[in-house]
Amino acid sequence: MASSVKAIAVLKSDSNLNGIITFEQMDDKCVHVTGKITGLTPGSHGFHVHEFGDNTNGCTSAGAHFNPHSKTHGAPEDDERHVGDLGNIVADESGTALIDIKDSKISLTGLNTIIGRSLVVHADPDDLGRGGHELSKSTGNAGGRIACAVIGFAKV
């Protein structure tokens, strides 16, 4: 019988932005990321795992994108990308984003687990490292951090 590891991140911000994101990994396979975020401005928003689960000074304490292999920033389907690069989420006209991502670079187990790190939603679209801006290859030029949460073990 397959075993799974589950994690959760509960996003809250100073505004009315809220969300619950769940992560599930079956055996050593990809991680399925699902959830719903409300209170966003309509359009695309960068969505990343950052290196620290520290929100002492808000989302800035979360550090940079989780990048244990020292790669440049990229799209989720790229070989050359930060582990934490989950691309963009898209909010509809009501400000709601439904998340359904399968990713093989993040993990809920082992040395490079994302558990205990932060999930961050950015103000602007992530250009996936292709924008030509000076920040494209490091952050995707995704703008400020509008919400974050520590990723923790979930009740199974």
C-alpha atoms as a PDB file:
ATOM      1  CA  MET A   1       0.000   0.000   0.000  1.00  0.00           C
ATOM      2  CA  ALA A   2       1.317   3.431  -0.950  1.00  0.00           C
ATOM      3  CA  SER A   3       2.152   5.774   1.886  1.00  0.00           C
ATOM      4  CA  SER A   4       1.808   9.512   1.671  1.00  0.00           C
ATOM      5  CA  VAL A   5       3.142  12.583   3.431  1.00  0.00           C
ATOM      6  CA  LYS A   6       0.876  15.618   3.704  1.00  0.00           C
ATOM      7  CA  ALA A   7       1.659  19.228   4.497  1.00  0.00           C
ATOM      8  CA  ILE A   8      -0.353  22.431   4.743  1.00  0.00           C
ATOM      9  CA  ALA A   9       0.221  26.184   4.484  1.00  0.00           C
ATOM     10  CA  VAL A  10      -2.388  28.662   5.739  1.00  0.00           C
ATOM     11  CA  LEU A  11      -1.899  32.015   4.016  1.00  0.00           C
ATOM     12  CA  LYS A  12      -2.965  35.225   5.709  1.00  0.00           C
ATOM     13  CA  SER A  13      -2.022  38.809   5.032  1.00  0.00           C
ATOM     14  CA  ASP A  14      -2.648  42.284   6.409  1.00  0.00           C
ATOM     15  CA  SER A  15      -5.313  42.685   3.723  1.00  0.00           C
ATOM     16  CA  ASN A  16      -8.205  40.306   3.062  1.00  0.00           C
ATOM     17  CA  LEU A  17      -5.993  37.751   1.295  1.00  0.00           C
ATOM     18  CA  ASN A  18      -6.489  34.233   2.681  1.00  0.00           C
ATOM     19  CA  GLY A  19      -5.822  30.732   1.500  1.00  0.00           C
ATOM     20  CA  ILE A  20      -5.237  27.123   2.398  1.00  0.00           C
ATOM     21  CA  ILE A  21      -2.753  25.146   0.331  1.00  0.00           C
ATOM     22  CA  THR A  22      -2.184  21.428   0.782  1.00  0.00           C
ATOM     23  CA  PHE A  23       0.753  19.336  -0.369  1.00  0.00           C
ATOM     24  CA  GLU A  24       0.672  15.560  -0.792  1.00  0.00           C
ATOM     25  CA  GLN A  25       3.498  13.253  -1.817  1.00  0.00           C
ATOM     26  CA  MET A  26       2.912   9.581  -2.516  1.00  0.00           C
ATOM     27  CA  ASP A  27       6.036   7.466  -1.922  1.00  0.00           C
ATOM     28  CA  ASP A  28       8.939   9.292  -3.606  1.00  0.00           C
ATOM     29  CA  LYS A  29       6.867  10.669  -6.474  1.00  0.00           C
ATOM     30  CA  CYS A  30       5.911  14.230  -7.344  1.00  0.00           C
ATOM     31  CA  VAL A  31       4.137  16.506  -4.893  1.00  0.00           C
ATOM     32  CA  HIS A  32       0.526  17.447  -5.628  1.00  0.00           C
ATOM     33  CA  VAL A  33      -0.175  21.037  -4.551  1.00  0.00           C
ATOM     34  CA  THR A  34      -3.841  22.030  -4.281  1.00  0.00           C
ATOM     35  CA  GLY A  35      -5.825  24.815  -2.704  1.00  0.00           C
ATOM     36  CA  LYS A  36      -7.637  28.082  -2.978  1.00  0.00           C
ATOM     37  CA  ILE A  37      -6.550  31.664  -2.350  1.00  0.00           C
ATOM     38  CA  THR A  38      -8.994  34.573  -2.141  1.00  0.00           C
ATOM     39  CA  GLY A  39      -8.486  38.325  -1.982  1.00  0.00           C
ATOM     40  CA  LEU A  40      -5.918  38.564  -4.791  1.00  0.00           C
ATOM     41  CA  THR A  41      -5.931  41.176  -7.526  1.00  0.00           C
ATOM     42  CA  PRO A  42      -7.068  39.543 -10.787  1.00  0.00           C
ATOM     43  CA  GLY A  43      -4.245  38.142 -12.937  1.00  0.00           C
ATOM     44  CA  SER A  44      -1.025  36.202 -12.447  1.00  0.00           C
ATOM     45  CA  HIS A  45       1.037  36.101  -9.263  1.00  0.00           C
ATOM     46  CA  GLY A  46       4.432  34.484  -8.649  1.00  0.00           C
ATOM     47  CA  PHE A  47       4.151  31.441  -6.379  1.00  0.00           C
ATOM     48  CA  HIS A  48       7.308  30.147  -4.705  1.00  0.00           C
ATOM     49  CA  VAL A  49       8.737  28.159  -1.816  1.00  0.00           C
ATOM     50  CA  HIS A  50      11.266  30.336   0.031  1.00  0.00           C
ATOM     51  CA  GLU A  51      14.178  29.057   2.080  1.00  0.00           C
ATOM     52  CA  PHE A  52      13.136  29.867   5.660  1.00  0.00           C
ATOM     53  CA  GLY A  53      10.013  29.202   7.708  1.00  0.00           C
ATOM     54  CA  ASP A  54      10.580  32.498   9.494  1.00  0.00           C
ATOM     55  CA  ASN A  55       7.923  35.204   9.337  1.00  0.00           C
ATOM     56  CA  THR A  56       9.322  37.291  12.206  1.00  0.00           C
ATOM     57  CA  ASN A  57       9.413  40.415  10.042  1.00  0.00           C
ATOM     58  CA  GLY A  58       6.623  39.396   7.732  1.00  0.00           C
ATOM     59  CA  CYS A  59       7.351  37.692   4.457  1.00  0.00           C
ATOM     60  CA  THR A  60      10.776  39.337   4.096  1.00  0.00           C
ATOM     61  CA  SER A  61      12.135  36.974   6.778  1.00  0.00           C
ATOM     62  CA  ALA A  62      11.407  33.995   4.488  1.00  0.00           C
ATOM     63  CA  GLY A  63      14.672  34.592   2.618  1.00  0.00           C
ATOM     64  CA  ALA A  64      15.237  33.866  -1.060  1.00  0.00           C
ATOM     65  CA  HIS A  65      13.639  31.192  -3.227  1.00  0.00           C
ATOM     66  CA  PHE A  66      14.493  27.705  -1.970  1.00  0.00           C
ATOM     67  CA  ASN A  67      17.474  26.818  -4.156  1.00  0.00           C
ATOM     68  CA  PRO A  68      19.644  24.057  -2.639  1.00  0.00           C
ATOM     69  CA  HIS A  69      21.314  23.276  -5.993  1.00  0.00           C
ATOM     70  CA  SER A  70      22.383  26.867  -6.813  1.00  0.00           C
ATOM     71  CA  LYS A  71      20.454  27.056 -10.096  1.00  0.00           C
ATOM     72  CA  THR A  72      19.122  30.138 -11.863  1.00  0.00           C
ATOM     73  CA  HIS A  73      15.435  31.005 -11.716  1.00  0.00           C
ATOM     74  CA  GLY A  74      13.156  29.277 -14.219  1.00  0.00           C
ATOM     75  CA  ALA A  75       9.753  27.851 -15.041  1.00  0.00           C
ATOM     76  CA  PRO A  76       8.346  24.781 -13.257  1.00  0.00           C
ATOM     77  CA  GLU A  77       8.959  22.620 -16.347  1.00  0.00           C
ATOM     78  CA  ASP A  78      12.600  23.750 -16.751  1.00  0.00           C
ATOM     79  CA  ASP A  79      15.563  21.610 -15.687  1.00  0.00           C
ATOM     80  CA  GLU A  80      17.420  24.800 -14.747  1.00  0.00           C
ATOM     81  CA  ARG A  81      15.282  26.263 -11.949  1.00  0.00           C
ATOM     82  CA  HIS A  82      15.171  26.780  -8.220  1.00  0.00           C
ATOM     83  CA  VAL A  83      13.485  23.934  -6.380  1.00  0.00           C
ATOM     84  CA  GLY A  84      11.037  26.532  -5.030  1.00  0.00           C
ATOM     85  CA  ASP A  85      10.001  27.863  -8.451  1.00  0.00           C
ATOM     86  CA  LEU A  86       6.327  26.918  -8.759  1.00  0.00           C
ATOM     87  CA  GLY A  87       5.531  29.463 -11.491  1.00  0.00           C
ATOM     88  CA  ASN A  88       2.350  31.521 -11.391  1.00  0.00           C
ATOM     89  CA  ILE A  89      -1.099  31.193  -9.969  1.00  0.00           C
ATOM     90  CA  VAL A  90      -3.933  33.021 -11.744  1.00  0.00           C
ATOM     91  CA  ALA A  91      -6.684  34.876  -9.914  1.00  0.00           C
ATOM     92  CA  ASP A  92     -10.011  35.300 -11.677  1.00  0.00           C
ATOM     93  CA  GLU A  93     -12.024  38.551 -11.745  1.00  0.00           C
ATOM     94  CA  SER A  94     -13.278  37.888  -8.201  1.00  0.00           C
ATOM     95  CA  GLY A  95      -9.670  37.581  -6.939  1.00  0.00           C
ATOM     96  CA  THR A  96      -9.815  33.811  -6.419  1.00  0.00           C
ATOM     97  CA  ALA A  97      -7.053  31.450  -7.531  1.00  0.00           C
ATOM     98  CA  LEU A  98      -7.579  27.697  -7.580  1.00  0.00           C
ATOM     99  CA  ILE A  99      -4.292  25.823  -7.330  1.00  0.00           C
ATOM    100  CA  ASP A 100      -3.657  22.399  -8.843  1.00  0.00           C
ATOM    101  CA  ILE A 101       0.060  21.806  -9.462  1.00  0.00           C
ATOM    102  CA  LYS A 102       2.082  18.609  -9.721  1.00  0.00           C
ATOM    103  CA  ASP A 103       5.794  19.183  -9.216  1.00  0.00           C
ATOM    104  CA  SER A 104       8.671  16.713  -9.186  1.00  0.00           C
ATOM    105  CA  LYS A 105      11.374  19.056  -7.817  1.00  0.00           C
ATOM    106  CA  ILE A 106       9.846  19.828  -4.425  1.00  0.00           C
ATOM    107  CA  SER A 107       9.728  17.119  -1.771  1.00  0.00           C
ATOM    108  CA  LEU A 108       8.064  16.601   1.606  1.00  0.00           C
ATOM    109  CA  THR A 109      10.819  14.246   2.767  1.00  0.00           C
ATOM    110  CA  GLY A 110      14.599  14.077   2.913  1.00  0.00           C
ATOM    111  CA  LEU A 111      17.355  16.623   3.278  1.00  0.00           C
ATOM    112  CA  ASN A 112      15.750  19.154   0.917  1.00  0.00           C
ATOM    113  CA  THR A 113      12.204  18.961   2.241  1.00  0.00           C
ATOM    114  CA  ILE A 114      10.002  22.042   1.852  1.00  0.00           C
ATOM    115  CA  ILE A 115       8.385  21.358   5.248  1.00  0.00           C
ATOM    116  CA  GLY A 116       9.439  24.122   7.621  1.00  0.00           C
ATOM    117  CA  ARG A 117      10.025  26.557   4.765  1.00  0.00           C
ATOM    118  CA  SER A 118       7.690  29.349   3.573  1.00  0.00           C
ATOM    119  CA  LEU A 119       5.220  29.493   0.722  1.00  0.00           C
ATOM    120  CA  VAL A 120       5.061  33.018  -0.736  1.00  0.00           C
ATOM    121  CA  VAL A 121       2.570  34.704  -3.067  1.00  0.00           C
ATOM    122  CA  HIS A 122       3.970  37.676  -4.983  1.00  0.00           C
ATOM    123  CA  ALA A 123       2.236  40.836  -6.213  1.00  0.00           C
ATOM    124  CA  ASP A 124       3.235  40.462  -9.864  1.00  0.00           C
ATOM    125  CA  PRO A 125       3.566  37.725 -12.480  1.00  0.00           C
ATOM    126  CA  ASP A 126       6.716  35.611 -12.459  1.00  0.00           C
ATOM    127  CA  ASP A 127       8.460  36.032 -15.829  1.00  0.00           C
ATOM    128  CA  LEU A 128       9.920  32.514 -15.380  1.00  0.00           C
ATOM    129  CA  GLY A 129      13.472  33.775 -15.897  1.00  0.00           C
ATOM    130  CA  ARG A 130      12.722  34.873 -19.454  1.00  0.00           C
ATOM    131  CA  GLY A 131      11.858  38.555 -18.990  1.00  0.00           C
ATOM    132  CA  GLY A 132      15.220  40.186 -19.559  1.00  0.00           C
ATOM    133  CA  HIS A 133      14.866  42.246 -16.358  1.00  0.00           C
ATOM    134  CA  GLU A 134      17.859  42.338 -14.004  1.00  0.00           C
ATOM    135  CA  LEU A 135      15.808  40.264 -11.509  1.00  0.00           C
ATOM    136  CA  SER A 136      14.511  37.701 -14.041  1.00  0.00           C
ATOM    137  CA  LYS A 137      17.194  35.084 -13.349  1.00  0.00           C
ATOM    138  CA  SER A 138      16.974  35.417  -9.552  1.00  0.00           C
ATOM    139  CA  THR A 139      13.326  36.130  -8.670  1.00  0.00           C
ATOM    140  CA  GLY A 140      11.394  36.131 -11.936  1.00  0.00           C
ATOM    141  CA  ASN A 141      10.793  39.840 -11.289  1.00  0.00           C
ATOM    142  CA  ALA A 142       7.619  38.816  -9.438  1.00  0.00           C
ATOM    143  CA  GLY A 143       7.390  41.910  -7.260  1.00  0.00           C
ATOM    144  CA  GLY A 144       6.674  42.245  -3.569  1.00  0.00           C
ATOM    145  CA  ARG A 145       5.568  39.510  -1.214  1.00  0.00           C
ATOM    146  CA  ILE A 146       1.857  39.906  -0.510  1.00  0.00           C
ATOM    147  CA  ALA A 147       1.242  36.773   1.575  1.00  0.00           C
ATOM    148  CA  CYS A 148       3.233  33.948   3.099  1.00  0.00           C
ATOM    149  CA  ALA A 149       2.846  30.933   5.333  1.00  0.00           C
ATOM    150  CA  VAL A 150       5.071  28.310   6.898  1.00  0.00           C
ATOM    151  CA  ILE A 151       4.606  24.874   5.345  1.00  0.00           C
ATOM    152  CA  GLY A 152       3.950  22.377   8.124  1.00  0.00           C
ATOM    153  CA  PHE A 153       3.016  18.735   8.518  1.00  0.00           C
ATOM    154  CA  ALA A 154      -0.714  18.182   8.059  1.00  0.00           C
ATOM    155  CA  LYS A 155      -2.988  15.836   9.946  1.00  0.00           C
ATOM    156  CA  VAL A 156      -3.293  12.729   7.782  1.00  0.00           C
END
